[in-house]
PDB file of N, CA and C in Angstrom:
ATOM      1  N   MET A   1      48.619   2.550 -68.577  1.00  0.00           N
ATOM      2  CA  MET A   1      48.276   3.932 -68.871  1.00  0.00           C
ATOM      3  C   MET A   1      46.761   4.113 -68.770  1.00  0.00           C
ATOM      4  N   ASN A   2      46.345   5.013 -67.949  1.00  0.00           N
ATOM      5  CA  ASN A   2      44.925   5.293 -67.791  1.00  0.00           C
ATOM      6  C   ASN A   2      44.516   6.384 -68.769  1.00  0.00           C
ATOM      7  N   ARG A   3      43.553   6.086 -69.571  1.00  0.00           N
ATOM      8  CA  ARG A   3      43.058   7.058 -70.539  1.00  0.00           C
ATOM      9  C   ARG A   3      41.856   7.774 -69.938  1.00  0.00           C
ATOM     10  N   ARG A   4      41.750   9.024 -70.179  1.00  0.00           N
ATOM     11  CA  ARG A   4      40.619   9.827 -69.704  1.00  0.00           C
ATOM     12  C   ARG A   4      39.617   9.972 -70.839  1.00  0.00           C
ATOM     13  N   TYR A   5      38.354   9.834 -70.506  1.00  0.00           N
ATOM     14  CA  TYR A   5      37.274   9.973 -71.484  1.00  0.00           C
ATOM     15  C   TYR A   5      36.420  11.162 -71.062  1.00  0.00           C
ATOM     16  N   ASP A   6      36.051  11.999 -72.031  1.00  0.00           N
ATOM     17  CA  ASP A   6      35.207  13.140 -71.681  1.00  0.00           C
ATOM     18  C   ASP A   6      33.769  12.692 -71.446  1.00  0.00           C
ATOM     19  N   LYS A   7      32.984  13.583 -70.866  1.00  0.00           N
ATOM     20  CA  LYS A   7      31.606  13.260 -70.488  1.00  0.00           C
ATOM     21  C   LYS A   7      30.765  12.881 -71.703  1.00  0.00           C
ATOM     22  N   ALA A   8      30.955  13.559 -72.821  1.00  0.00           N
ATOM     23  CA  ALA A   8      30.163  13.266 -74.023  1.00  0.00           C
ATOM     24  C   ALA A   8      30.438  11.844 -74.510  1.00  0.00           C
ATOM     25  N   PHE A   9      31.697  11.435 -74.503  1.00  0.00           N
ATOM     26  CA  PHE A   9      32.065  10.081 -74.918  1.00  0.00           C
ATOM     27  C   PHE A   9      31.434   9.063 -73.977  1.00  0.00           C
ATOM     28  N   ARG A  10      31.547   9.326 -72.679  1.00  0.00           N
ATOM     29  CA  ARG A  10      30.995   8.421 -71.672  1.00  0.00           C
ATOM     30  C   ARG A  10      29.484   8.267 -71.852  1.00  0.00           C
ATOM     31  N   ASP A  11      28.798   9.400 -72.011  1.00  0.00           N
ATOM     32  CA  ASP A  11      27.339   9.368 -72.176  1.00  0.00           C
ATOM     33  C   ASP A  11      26.935   8.603 -73.436  1.00  0.00           C
ATOM     34  N   GLN A  12      27.641   8.839 -74.542  1.00  0.00           N
ATOM     35  CA  GLN A  12      27.306   8.165 -75.796  1.00  0.00           C
ATOM     36  C   GLN A  12      27.537   6.649 -75.678  1.00  0.00           C
ATOM     37  N   ALA A  13      28.630   6.253 -75.056  1.00  0.00           N
ATOM     38  CA  ALA A  13      28.924   4.826 -74.879  1.00  0.00           C
ATOM     39  C   ALA A  13      27.838   4.161 -74.040  1.00  0.00           C
ATOM     40  N   MET A  14      27.424   4.821 -72.976  1.00  0.00           N
ATOM     41  CA  MET A  14      26.398   4.242 -72.112  1.00  0.00           C
ATOM     42  C   MET A  14      25.043   4.196 -72.819  1.00  0.00           C
ATOM     43  N   LYS A  15      24.734   5.184 -73.658  1.00  0.00           N
ATOM     44  CA  LYS A  15      23.474   5.179 -74.408  1.00  0.00           C
ATOM     45  C   LYS A  15      23.400   3.993 -75.364  1.00  0.00           C
ATOM     46  N   LEU A  16      24.543   3.605 -75.941  1.00  0.00           N
ATOM     47  CA  LEU A  16      24.543   2.456 -76.846  1.00  0.00           C
ATOM     48  C   LEU A  16      24.094   1.190 -76.121  1.00  0.00           C
ATOM     49  N   VAL A  17      24.432   1.083 -74.866  1.00  0.00           N
ATOM     50  CA  VAL A  17      24.047  -0.098 -74.086  1.00  0.00           C
ATOM     51  C   VAL A  17      22.631   0.051 -73.541  1.00  0.00           C
ATOM     52  N   VAL A  18      22.356   1.173 -72.904  1.00  0.00           N
ATOM     53  CA  VAL A  18      21.078   1.363 -72.207  1.00  0.00           C
ATOM     54  C   VAL A  18      19.923   1.547 -73.182  1.00  0.00           C
ATOM     55  N   ASN A  19      20.071   2.444 -74.149  1.00  0.00           N
ATOM     56  CA  ASN A  19      18.961   2.774 -75.044  1.00  0.00           C
ATOM     57  C   ASN A  19      18.823   1.818 -76.221  1.00  0.00           C
ATOM     58  N   GLU A  20      19.947   1.337 -76.738  1.00  0.00           N
ATOM     59  CA  GLU A  20      19.891   0.457 -77.907  1.00  0.00           C
ATOM     60  C   GLU A  20      19.969  -1.019 -77.550  1.00  0.00           C
ATOM     61  N   GLY A  21      20.204  -1.321 -76.274  1.00  0.00           N
ATOM     62  CA  GLY A  21      20.219  -2.705 -75.827  1.00  0.00           C
ATOM     63  C   GLY A  21      21.421  -3.500 -76.305  1.00  0.00           C
ATOM     64  N   ARG A  22      22.494  -2.821 -76.659  1.00  0.00           N
ATOM     65  CA  ARG A  22      23.679  -3.527 -77.134  1.00  0.00           C
ATOM     66  C   ARG A  22      24.470  -4.107 -75.971  1.00  0.00           C
ATOM     67  N   ASP A  23      25.292  -5.092 -76.284  1.00  0.00           N
ATOM     68  CA  ASP A  23      26.119  -5.768 -75.295  1.00  0.00           C
ATOM     69  C   ASP A  23      27.286  -4.861 -74.903  1.00  0.00           C
ATOM     70  N   PRO A  24      27.530  -4.653 -73.605  1.00  0.00           N
ATOM     71  CA  PRO A  24      28.630  -3.781 -73.182  1.00  0.00           C
ATOM     72  C   PRO A  24      29.999  -4.218 -73.720  1.00  0.00           C
ATOM     73  N   THR A  25      30.225  -5.513 -73.788  1.00  0.00           N
ATOM     74  CA  THR A  25      31.503  -5.999 -74.291  1.00  0.00           C
ATOM     75  C   THR A  25      31.710  -5.593 -75.744  1.00  0.00           C
ATOM     76  N   GLY A  26      30.680  -5.754 -76.560  1.00  0.00           N
ATOM     77  CA  GLY A  26      30.774  -5.383 -77.966  1.00  0.00           C
ATOM     78  C   GLY A  26      30.922  -3.886 -78.159  1.00  0.00           C
ATOM     79  N   VAL A  27      30.201  -3.105 -77.377  1.00  0.00           N
ATOM     80  CA  VAL A  27      30.303  -1.653 -77.469  1.00  0.00           C
ATOM     81  C   VAL A  27      31.715  -1.207 -77.107  1.00  0.00           C
ATOM     82  N   ALA A  28      32.242  -1.732 -76.012  1.00  0.00           N
ATOM     83  CA  ALA A  28      33.593  -1.367 -75.582  1.00  0.00           C
ATOM     84  C   ALA A  28      34.614  -1.727 -76.660  1.00  0.00           C
ATOM     85  N   ARG A  29      34.477  -2.907 -77.241  1.00  0.00           N
ATOM     86  CA  ARG A  29      35.399  -3.331 -78.296  1.00  0.00           C
ATOM     87  C   ARG A  29      35.300  -2.393 -79.499  1.00  0.00           C
ATOM     88  N   ASP A  30      34.070  -2.053 -79.901  1.00  0.00           N
ATOM     89  CA  ASP A  30      33.870  -1.163 -81.045  1.00  0.00           C
ATOM     90  C   ASP A  30      34.456   0.222 -80.807  1.00  0.00           C
ATOM     91  N   LEU A  31      34.400   0.669 -79.558  1.00  0.00           N
ATOM     92  CA  LEU A  31      34.907   1.999 -79.230  1.00  0.00           C
ATOM     93  C   LEU A  31      36.394   1.997 -78.869  1.00  0.00           C
ATOM     94  N   GLY A  32      36.995   0.817 -78.802  1.00  0.00           N
ATOM     95  CA  GLY A  32      38.422   0.723 -78.499  1.00  0.00           C
ATOM     96  C   GLY A  32      38.753   1.082 -77.055  1.00  0.00           C
ATOM     97  N   MET A  33      37.886   0.661 -76.158  1.00  0.00           N
ATOM     98  CA  MET A  33      38.102   0.961 -74.748  1.00  0.00           C
ATOM     99  C   MET A  33      37.983  -0.314 -73.923  1.00  0.00           C
ATOM    100  N   PRO A  34      38.502  -0.322 -72.698  1.00  0.00           N
ATOM    101  CA  PRO A  34      38.369  -1.512 -71.856  1.00  0.00           C
ATOM    102  C   PRO A  34      36.913  -1.776 -71.466  1.00  0.00           C
ATOM    103  N   ASN A  35      36.535  -3.038 -71.541  1.00  0.00           N
ATOM    104  CA  ASN A  35      35.186  -3.453 -71.160  1.00  0.00           C
ATOM    105  C   ASN A  35      34.907  -3.097 -69.701  1.00  0.00           C
ATOM    106  N   THR A  36      35.893  -3.272 -68.854  1.00  0.00           N
ATOM    107  CA  THR A  36      35.698  -3.019 -67.420  1.00  0.00           C
ATOM    108  C   THR A  36      35.350  -1.556 -67.153  1.00  0.00           C
ATOM    109  N   THR A  37      35.908  -0.656 -67.946  1.00  0.00           N
ATOM    110  CA  THR A  37      35.609   0.769 -67.768  1.00  0.00           C
ATOM    111  C   THR A  37      34.147   1.055 -68.069  1.00  0.00           C
ATOM    112  N   LEU A  38      33.668   0.544 -69.194  1.00  0.00           N
ATOM    113  CA  LEU A  38      32.277   0.771 -69.573  1.00  0.00           C
ATOM    114  C   LEU A  38      31.321   0.135 -68.569  1.00  0.00           C
ATOM    115  N   VAL A  39      31.618  -1.072 -68.135  1.00  0.00           N
ATOM    116  CA  VAL A  39      30.759  -1.748 -67.164  1.00  0.00           C
ATOM    117  C   VAL A  39      30.730  -0.972 -65.847  1.00  0.00           C
ATOM    118  N   LYS A  40      31.863  -0.432 -65.433  1.00  0.00           N
ATOM    119  CA  LYS A  40      31.907   0.368 -64.201  1.00  0.00           C
ATOM    120  C   LYS A  40      31.037   1.605 -64.349  1.00  0.00           C
ATOM    121  N   TRP A  41      31.131   2.297 -65.481  1.00  0.00           N
ATOM    122  CA  TRP A  41      30.276   3.471 -65.706  1.00  0.00           C
ATOM    123  C   TRP A  41      28.804   3.089 -65.613  1.00  0.00           C
ATOM    124  N   LEU A  42      28.463   1.972 -66.244  1.00  0.00           N
ATOM    125  CA  LEU A  42      27.068   1.526 -66.257  1.00  0.00           C
ATOM    126  C   LEU A  42      26.577   1.199 -64.849  1.00  0.00           C
ATOM    127  N   LYS A  43      27.395   0.462 -64.106  1.00  0.00           N
ATOM    128  CA  LYS A  43      27.006   0.096 -62.739  1.00  0.00           C
ATOM    129  C   LYS A  43      26.881   1.325 -61.856  1.00  0.00           C
ATOM    130  N   ASP A  44      27.803   2.276 -62.032  1.00  0.00           N
ATOM    131  CA  ASP A  44      27.747   3.508 -61.241  1.00  0.00           C
ATOM    132  C   ASP A  44      26.473   4.300 -61.535  1.00  0.00           C
ATOM    133  N   SER A  45      25.941   4.155 -62.744  1.00  0.00           N
ATOM    134  CA  SER A  45      24.722   4.880 -63.120  1.00  0.00           C
ATOM    135  C   SER A  45      23.454   4.127 -62.696  1.00  0.00           C
ATOM    136  N   GLY A  46      23.616   2.920 -62.138  1.00  0.00           N
ATOM    137  CA  GLY A  46      22.471   2.144 -61.680  1.00  0.00           C
ATOM    138  C   GLY A  46      21.946   1.152 -62.703  1.00  0.00           C
ATOM    139  N   TRP A  47      22.634   0.989 -63.810  1.00  0.00           N
ATOM    140  CA  TRP A  47      22.219   0.051 -64.862  1.00  0.00           C
ATOM    141  C   TRP A  47      22.392  -1.379 -64.378  1.00  0.00           C
ATOM    142  N   LYS A  48      21.431  -2.213 -64.755  1.00  0.00           N
ATOM    143  CA  LYS A  48      21.528  -3.645 -64.461  1.00  0.00           C
ATOM    144  C   LYS A  48      21.297  -4.401 -65.758  1.00  0.00           C
ATOM    145  N   PRO A  49      22.086  -5.453 -66.006  1.00  0.00           N
ATOM    146  CA  PRO A  49      21.901  -6.222 -67.244  1.00  0.00           C
ATOM    147  C   PRO A  49      20.508  -6.837 -67.304  1.00  0.00           C
ATOM    148  N   SER A  50      19.998  -6.943 -68.503  1.00  0.00           N
ATOM    149  CA  SER A  50      18.669  -7.522 -68.709  1.00  0.00           C
ATOM    150  C   SER A  50      18.705  -9.018 -68.476  1.00  0.00           C
ATOM    151  N   ALA A  51      17.721  -9.524 -67.764  1.00  0.00           N
ATOM    152  CA  ALA A  51      17.625 -10.966 -67.520  1.00  0.00           C
ATOM    153  C   ALA A  51      17.149 -11.700 -68.761  1.00  0.00           C
ATOM    154  N   ASP A  52      16.548 -10.966 -69.713  1.00  0.00           N
ATOM    155  CA  ASP A  52      16.035 -11.593 -70.931  1.00  0.00           C
ATOM    156  C   ASP A  52      17.134 -12.239 -71.765  1.00  0.00           C
ATOM    157  N   LYS A  53      18.344 -11.732 -71.685  1.00  0.00           N
ATOM    158  CA  LYS A  53      19.430 -12.269 -72.497  1.00  0.00           C
ATOM    159  C   LYS A  53      19.828 -13.676 -72.078  1.00  0.00           C
ATOM    160  N   ASP A  54      19.503 -14.025 -70.829  1.00  0.00           N
ATOM    161  CA  ASP A  54      19.871 -15.347 -70.335  1.00  0.00           C
ATOM    162  C   ASP A  54      18.857 -16.422 -70.730  1.00  0.00           C
ATOM    163  N   ARG A  55      17.710 -16.016 -71.220  1.00  0.00           N
ATOM    164  CA  ARG A  55      16.670 -16.974 -71.576  1.00  0.00           C
ATOM    165  C   ARG A  55      16.928 -17.554 -72.961  1.00  0.00           C
ATOM    166  N   ALA A  56      16.469 -18.774 -73.141  1.00  0.00           N
ATOM    167  CA  ALA A  56      16.600 -19.420 -74.449  1.00  0.00           C
ATOM    168  C   ALA A  56      15.619 -18.782 -75.433  1.00  0.00           C
ATOM    169  N   ILE A  57      15.991 -18.787 -76.699  1.00  0.00           N
ATOM    170  CA  ILE A  57      15.128 -18.247 -77.742  1.00  0.00           C
ATOM    171  C   ILE A  57      14.013 -19.242 -78.012  1.00  0.00           C
ATOM    172  N   ALA A  58      12.797 -18.756 -78.064  1.00  0.00           N
ATOM    173  CA  ALA A  58      11.663 -19.622 -78.364  1.00  0.00           C
ATOM    174  C   ALA A  58      11.686 -19.981 -79.851  1.00  0.00           C
ATOM    175  N   LEU A  59      11.683 -21.257 -80.147  1.00  0.00           N
ATOM    176  CA  LEU A  59      11.716 -21.720 -81.523  1.00  0.00           C
ATOM    177  C   LEU A  59      10.329 -22.139 -81.973  1.00  0.00           C
ATOM    178  N   PRO A  60      10.019 -21.865 -83.234  1.00  0.00           N
ATOM    179  CA  PRO A  60       8.707 -22.309 -83.732  1.00  0.00           C
ATOM    180  C   PRO A  60       8.658 -23.827 -83.841  1.00  0.00           C
ATOM    181  N   ASP A  61       7.456 -24.372 -83.740  1.00  0.00           N
ATOM    182  CA  ASP A  61       7.282 -25.824 -83.835  1.00  0.00           C
ATOM    183  C   ASP A  61       7.299 -26.315 -85.277  1.00  0.00           C
ATOM    184  N   ASP A  62       6.994 -25.442 -86.220  1.00  0.00           N
ATOM    185  CA  ASP A  62       6.913 -25.815 -87.627  1.00  0.00           C
ATOM    186  C   ASP A  62       8.316 -26.029 -88.203  1.00  0.00           C
ATOM    187  N   VAL A  63       8.584 -27.242 -88.656  1.00  0.00           N
ATOM    188  CA  VAL A  63       9.900 -27.598 -89.185  1.00  0.00           C
ATOM    189  C   VAL A  63      10.232 -26.785 -90.439  1.00  0.00           C
ATOM    190  N   SER A  64       9.230 -26.497 -91.267  1.00  0.00           N
ATOM    191  CA  SER A  64       9.495 -25.741 -92.488  1.00  0.00           C
ATOM    192  C   SER A  64       9.963 -24.320 -92.165  1.00  0.00           C
ATOM    193  N   VAL A  65       9.453 -23.736 -91.083  1.00  0.00           N
ATOM    194  CA  VAL A  65       9.895 -22.407 -90.663  1.00  0.00           C
ATOM    195  C   VAL A  65      11.355 -22.472 -90.209  1.00  0.00           C
ATOM    196  N   LEU A  66      11.692 -23.509 -89.473  1.00  0.00           N
ATOM    197  CA  LEU A  66      13.070 -23.683 -89.015  1.00  0.00           C
ATOM    198  C   LEU A  66      14.019 -23.884 -90.190  1.00  0.00           C
ATOM    199  N   LYS A  67      13.609 -24.691 -91.164  1.00  0.00           N
ATOM    200  CA  LYS A  67      14.452 -24.919 -92.337  1.00  0.00           C
ATOM    201  C   LYS A  67      14.666 -23.625 -93.115  1.00  0.00           C
ATOM    202  N   ALA A  68      13.608 -22.839 -93.265  1.00  0.00           N
ATOM    203  CA  ALA A  68      13.733 -21.560 -93.975  1.00  0.00           C
ATOM    204  C   ALA A  68      14.676 -20.629 -93.226  1.00  0.00           C
ATOM    205  N   ARG A  69      14.582 -20.642 -91.911  1.00  0.00           N
ATOM    206  CA  ARG A  69      15.476 -19.798 -91.099  1.00  0.00           C
ATOM    207  C   ARG A  69      16.923 -20.245 -91.250  1.00  0.00           C
ATOM    208  N   ILE A  70      17.166 -21.532 -91.272  1.00  0.00           N
ATOM    209  CA  ILE A  70      18.518 -22.057 -91.447  1.00  0.00           C
ATOM    210  C   ILE A  70      19.078 -21.635 -92.801  1.00  0.00           C
ATOM    211  N   VAL A  71      18.266 -21.756 -93.839  1.00  0.00           N
ATOM    212  CA  VAL A  71      18.710 -21.356 -95.184  1.00  0.00           C
ATOM    213  C   VAL A  71      19.070 -19.875 -95.192  1.00  0.00           C
ATOM    214  N   ASP A  72      18.231 -19.053 -94.564  1.00  0.00           N
ATOM    215  CA  ASP A  72      18.488 -17.618 -94.504  1.00  0.00           C
ATOM    216  C   ASP A  72      19.778 -17.323 -93.745  1.00  0.00           C
ATOM    217  N   LEU A  73      19.979 -17.982 -92.619  1.00  0.00           N
ATOM    218  CA  LEU A  73      21.195 -17.767 -91.828  1.00  0.00           C
ATOM    219  C   LEU A  73      22.437 -18.247 -92.575  1.00  0.00           C
ATOM    220  N   GLU A  74      22.336 -19.355 -93.284  1.00  0.00           N
ATOM    221  CA  GLU A  74      23.478 -19.841 -94.073  1.00  0.00           C
ATOM    222  C   GLU A  74      23.830 -18.845 -95.174  1.00  0.00           C
ATOM    223  N   ARG A  75      22.808 -18.229 -95.790  1.00  0.00           N
ATOM    224  CA  ARG A  75      23.055 -17.229 -96.817  1.00  0.00           C
ATOM    225  C   ARG A  75      23.747 -16.010 -96.207  1.00  0.00           C
ATOM    226  N   GLN A  76      23.297 -15.610 -95.041  1.00  0.00           N
ATOM    227  CA  GLN A  76      23.915 -14.473 -94.365  1.00  0.00           C
ATOM    228  C   GLN A  76      25.375 -14.759 -94.032  1.00  0.00           C
ATOM    229  N   VAL A  77      25.655 -15.965 -93.563  1.00  0.00           N
ATOM    230  CA  VAL A  77      27.030 -16.346 -93.236  1.00  0.00           C
ATOM    231  C   VAL A  77      27.896 -16.286 -94.489  1.00  0.00           C
ATOM    232  N   LYS A  78      27.397 -16.823 -95.590  1.00  0.00           N
ATOM    233  CA  LYS A  78      28.154 -16.812 -96.845  1.00  0.00           C
ATOM    234  C   LYS A  78      28.425 -15.375 -97.297  1.00  0.00           C
ATOM    235  N   ASP A  79      27.412 -14.517 -97.207  1.00  0.00           N
ATOM    236  CA  ASP A  79      27.588 -13.107 -97.586  1.00  0.00           C
ATOM    237  C   ASP A  79      28.635 -12.432 -96.707  1.00  0.00           C
ATOM    238  N   LEU A  80      28.579 -12.681 -95.411  1.00  0.00           N
ATOM    239  CA  LEU A  80      29.543 -12.071 -94.494  1.00  0.00           C
ATOM    240  C   LEU A  80      30.957 -12.589 -94.739  1.00  0.00           C
ATOM    241  N   GLN A  81      31.079 -13.871 -95.052  1.00  0.00           N
ATOM    242  CA  GLN A  81      32.402 -14.428 -95.359  1.00  0.00           C
ATOM    243  C   GLN A  81      32.957 -13.794 -96.627  1.00  0.00           C
ATOM    244  N   THR A  82      32.100 -13.600 -97.621  1.00  0.00           N
ATOM    245  CA  THR A  82      32.530 -12.947 -98.859  1.00  0.00           C
ATOM    246  C   THR A  82      32.971 -11.516 -98.579  1.00  0.00           C
ATOM    247  N   ASP A  83      32.185 -10.785 -97.789  1.00  0.00           N
ATOM    248  CA  ASP A  83      32.545  -9.415 -97.428  1.00  0.00           C
ATOM    249  C   ASP A  83      33.891  -9.371 -96.709  1.00  0.00           C
ATOM    250  N   ARG A  84      34.098 -10.311 -95.796  1.00  0.00           N
ATOM    251  CA  ARG A  84      35.353 -10.355 -95.047  1.00  0.00           C
ATOM    252  C   ARG A  84      36.529 -10.592 -95.977  1.00  0.00           C
ATOM    253  N   GLU A  85      36.376 -11.500 -96.937  1.00  0.00           N
ATOM    254  CA  GLU A  85      37.456 -11.776 -97.884  1.00  0.00           C
ATOM    255  C   GLU A  85      37.767 -10.546 -98.735  1.00  0.00           C
ATOM    256  N   ILE A  86      36.730  -9.830 -99.156  1.00  0.00           N
ATOM    257  CA  ILE A  86      36.942  -8.610 -99.936  1.00  0.00           C
ATOM    258  C   ILE A  86      37.705  -7.582 -99.104  1.00  0.00           C
ATOM    259  N   LEU A  87      37.327  -7.435 -97.841  1.00  0.00           N
ATOM    260  CA  LEU A  87      38.010  -6.485 -96.973  1.00  0.00           C
ATOM    261  C   LEU A  87      39.461  -6.884 -96.729  1.00  0.00           C
ATOM    262  N   LYS A  88      39.725  -8.170 -96.592  1.00  0.00           N
ATOM    263  CA  LYS A  88      41.110  -8.638 -96.426  1.00  0.00           C
ATOM    264  C   LYS A  88      41.941  -8.275 -97.641  1.00  0.00           C
ATOM    265  N   LYS A  89      41.383  -8.513 -98.835  1.00  0.00           N
ATOM    266  CA  LYS A  89      42.108  -8.209-100.069  1.00  0.00           C
ATOM    267  C   LYS A  89      42.317  -6.707-100.226  1.00  0.00           C
ATOM    268  N   ALA A  90      41.306  -5.927 -99.872  1.00  0.00           N
ATOM    269  CA  ALA A  90      41.438  -4.474 -99.967  1.00  0.00           C
ATOM    270  C   ALA A  90      42.494  -3.966 -98.988  1.00  0.00           C
ATOM    271  N   THR A  91      42.516  -4.527 -97.807  1.00  0.00           N
ATOM    272  CA  THR A  91      43.509  -4.131 -96.809  1.00  0.00           C
ATOM    273  C   THR A  91      44.913  -4.435 -97.308  1.00  0.00           C
ATOM    274  N   ALA A  92      45.104  -5.625 -97.855  1.00  0.00           N
ATOM    275  CA  ALA A  92      46.416  -5.997 -98.391  1.00  0.00           C
ATOM    276  C   ALA A  92      46.801  -5.084 -99.547  1.00  0.00           C
ATOM    277  N   PHE A  93      45.849  -4.767-100.413  1.00  0.00           N
ATOM    278  CA  PHE A  93      46.125  -3.898-101.555  1.00  0.00           C
ATOM    279  C   PHE A  93      46.584  -2.523-101.091  1.00  0.00           C
ATOM    280  N   PHE A  94      45.827  -1.930-100.164  1.00  0.00           N
ATOM    281  CA  PHE A  94      46.168  -0.592 -99.705  1.00  0.00           C
ATOM    282  C   PHE A  94      47.433  -0.578 -98.861  1.00  0.00           C
ATOM    283  N   ALA A  95      47.712  -1.654 -98.153  1.00  0.00           N
ATOM    284  CA  ALA A  95      48.951  -1.730 -97.376  1.00  0.00           C
ATOM    285  C   ALA A  95      50.145  -1.744 -98.321  1.00  0.00           C
ATOM    286  N   ASN A  96      50.021  -2.410 -99.452  1.00  0.00           N
ATOM    287  CA  ASN A  96      51.108  -2.451-100.424  1.00  0.00           C
ATOM    288  C   ASN A  96      51.255  -1.128-101.166  1.00  0.00           C
ATOM    289  N   GLN A  97      50.207  -0.329-101.263  1.00  0.00           N
ATOM    290  CA  GLN A  97      50.267   0.955-101.944  1.00  0.00           C
ATOM    291  C   GLN A  97      51.132   1.957-101.177  1.00  0.00           C
ATOM    292  N   ASN A  98      51.200   1.790 -99.876  1.00  0.00           N
ATOM    293  CA  ASN A  98      51.947   2.730 -99.037  1.00  0.00           C
ATOM    294  C   ASN A  98      53.434   2.404 -98.935  1.00  0.00           C
ATOM    295  N   LYS A  99      53.859   1.323 -99.565  1.00  0.00           N
ATOM    296  CA  LYS A  99      55.278   0.926 -99.468  1.00  0.00           C
ATOM    297  C   LYS A  99      56.094   1.588-100.539  1.00  0.00           C
TER     298      LYS A  99
END
């Protein structure tokens, strides 16, 4: 089934990639549309993926900076895992409310 998207939807989806630098795959997933459709729109408009995304991230030489970054990232992961568990429980709770 081919879904039709209006011009406003198309423009907004493309702006998320072009202006905000977001990944087309993630944008398409968030919007509930096929990735290939969004990529085709982008290519038709003359958009080209940034070469910067293929480069490795420059890491600082200072080990203490790296350790601090690891600690921060581990904290973020723990927070996100906690949030996910809360959302799972809330989803189950509300699903049972409708029965």
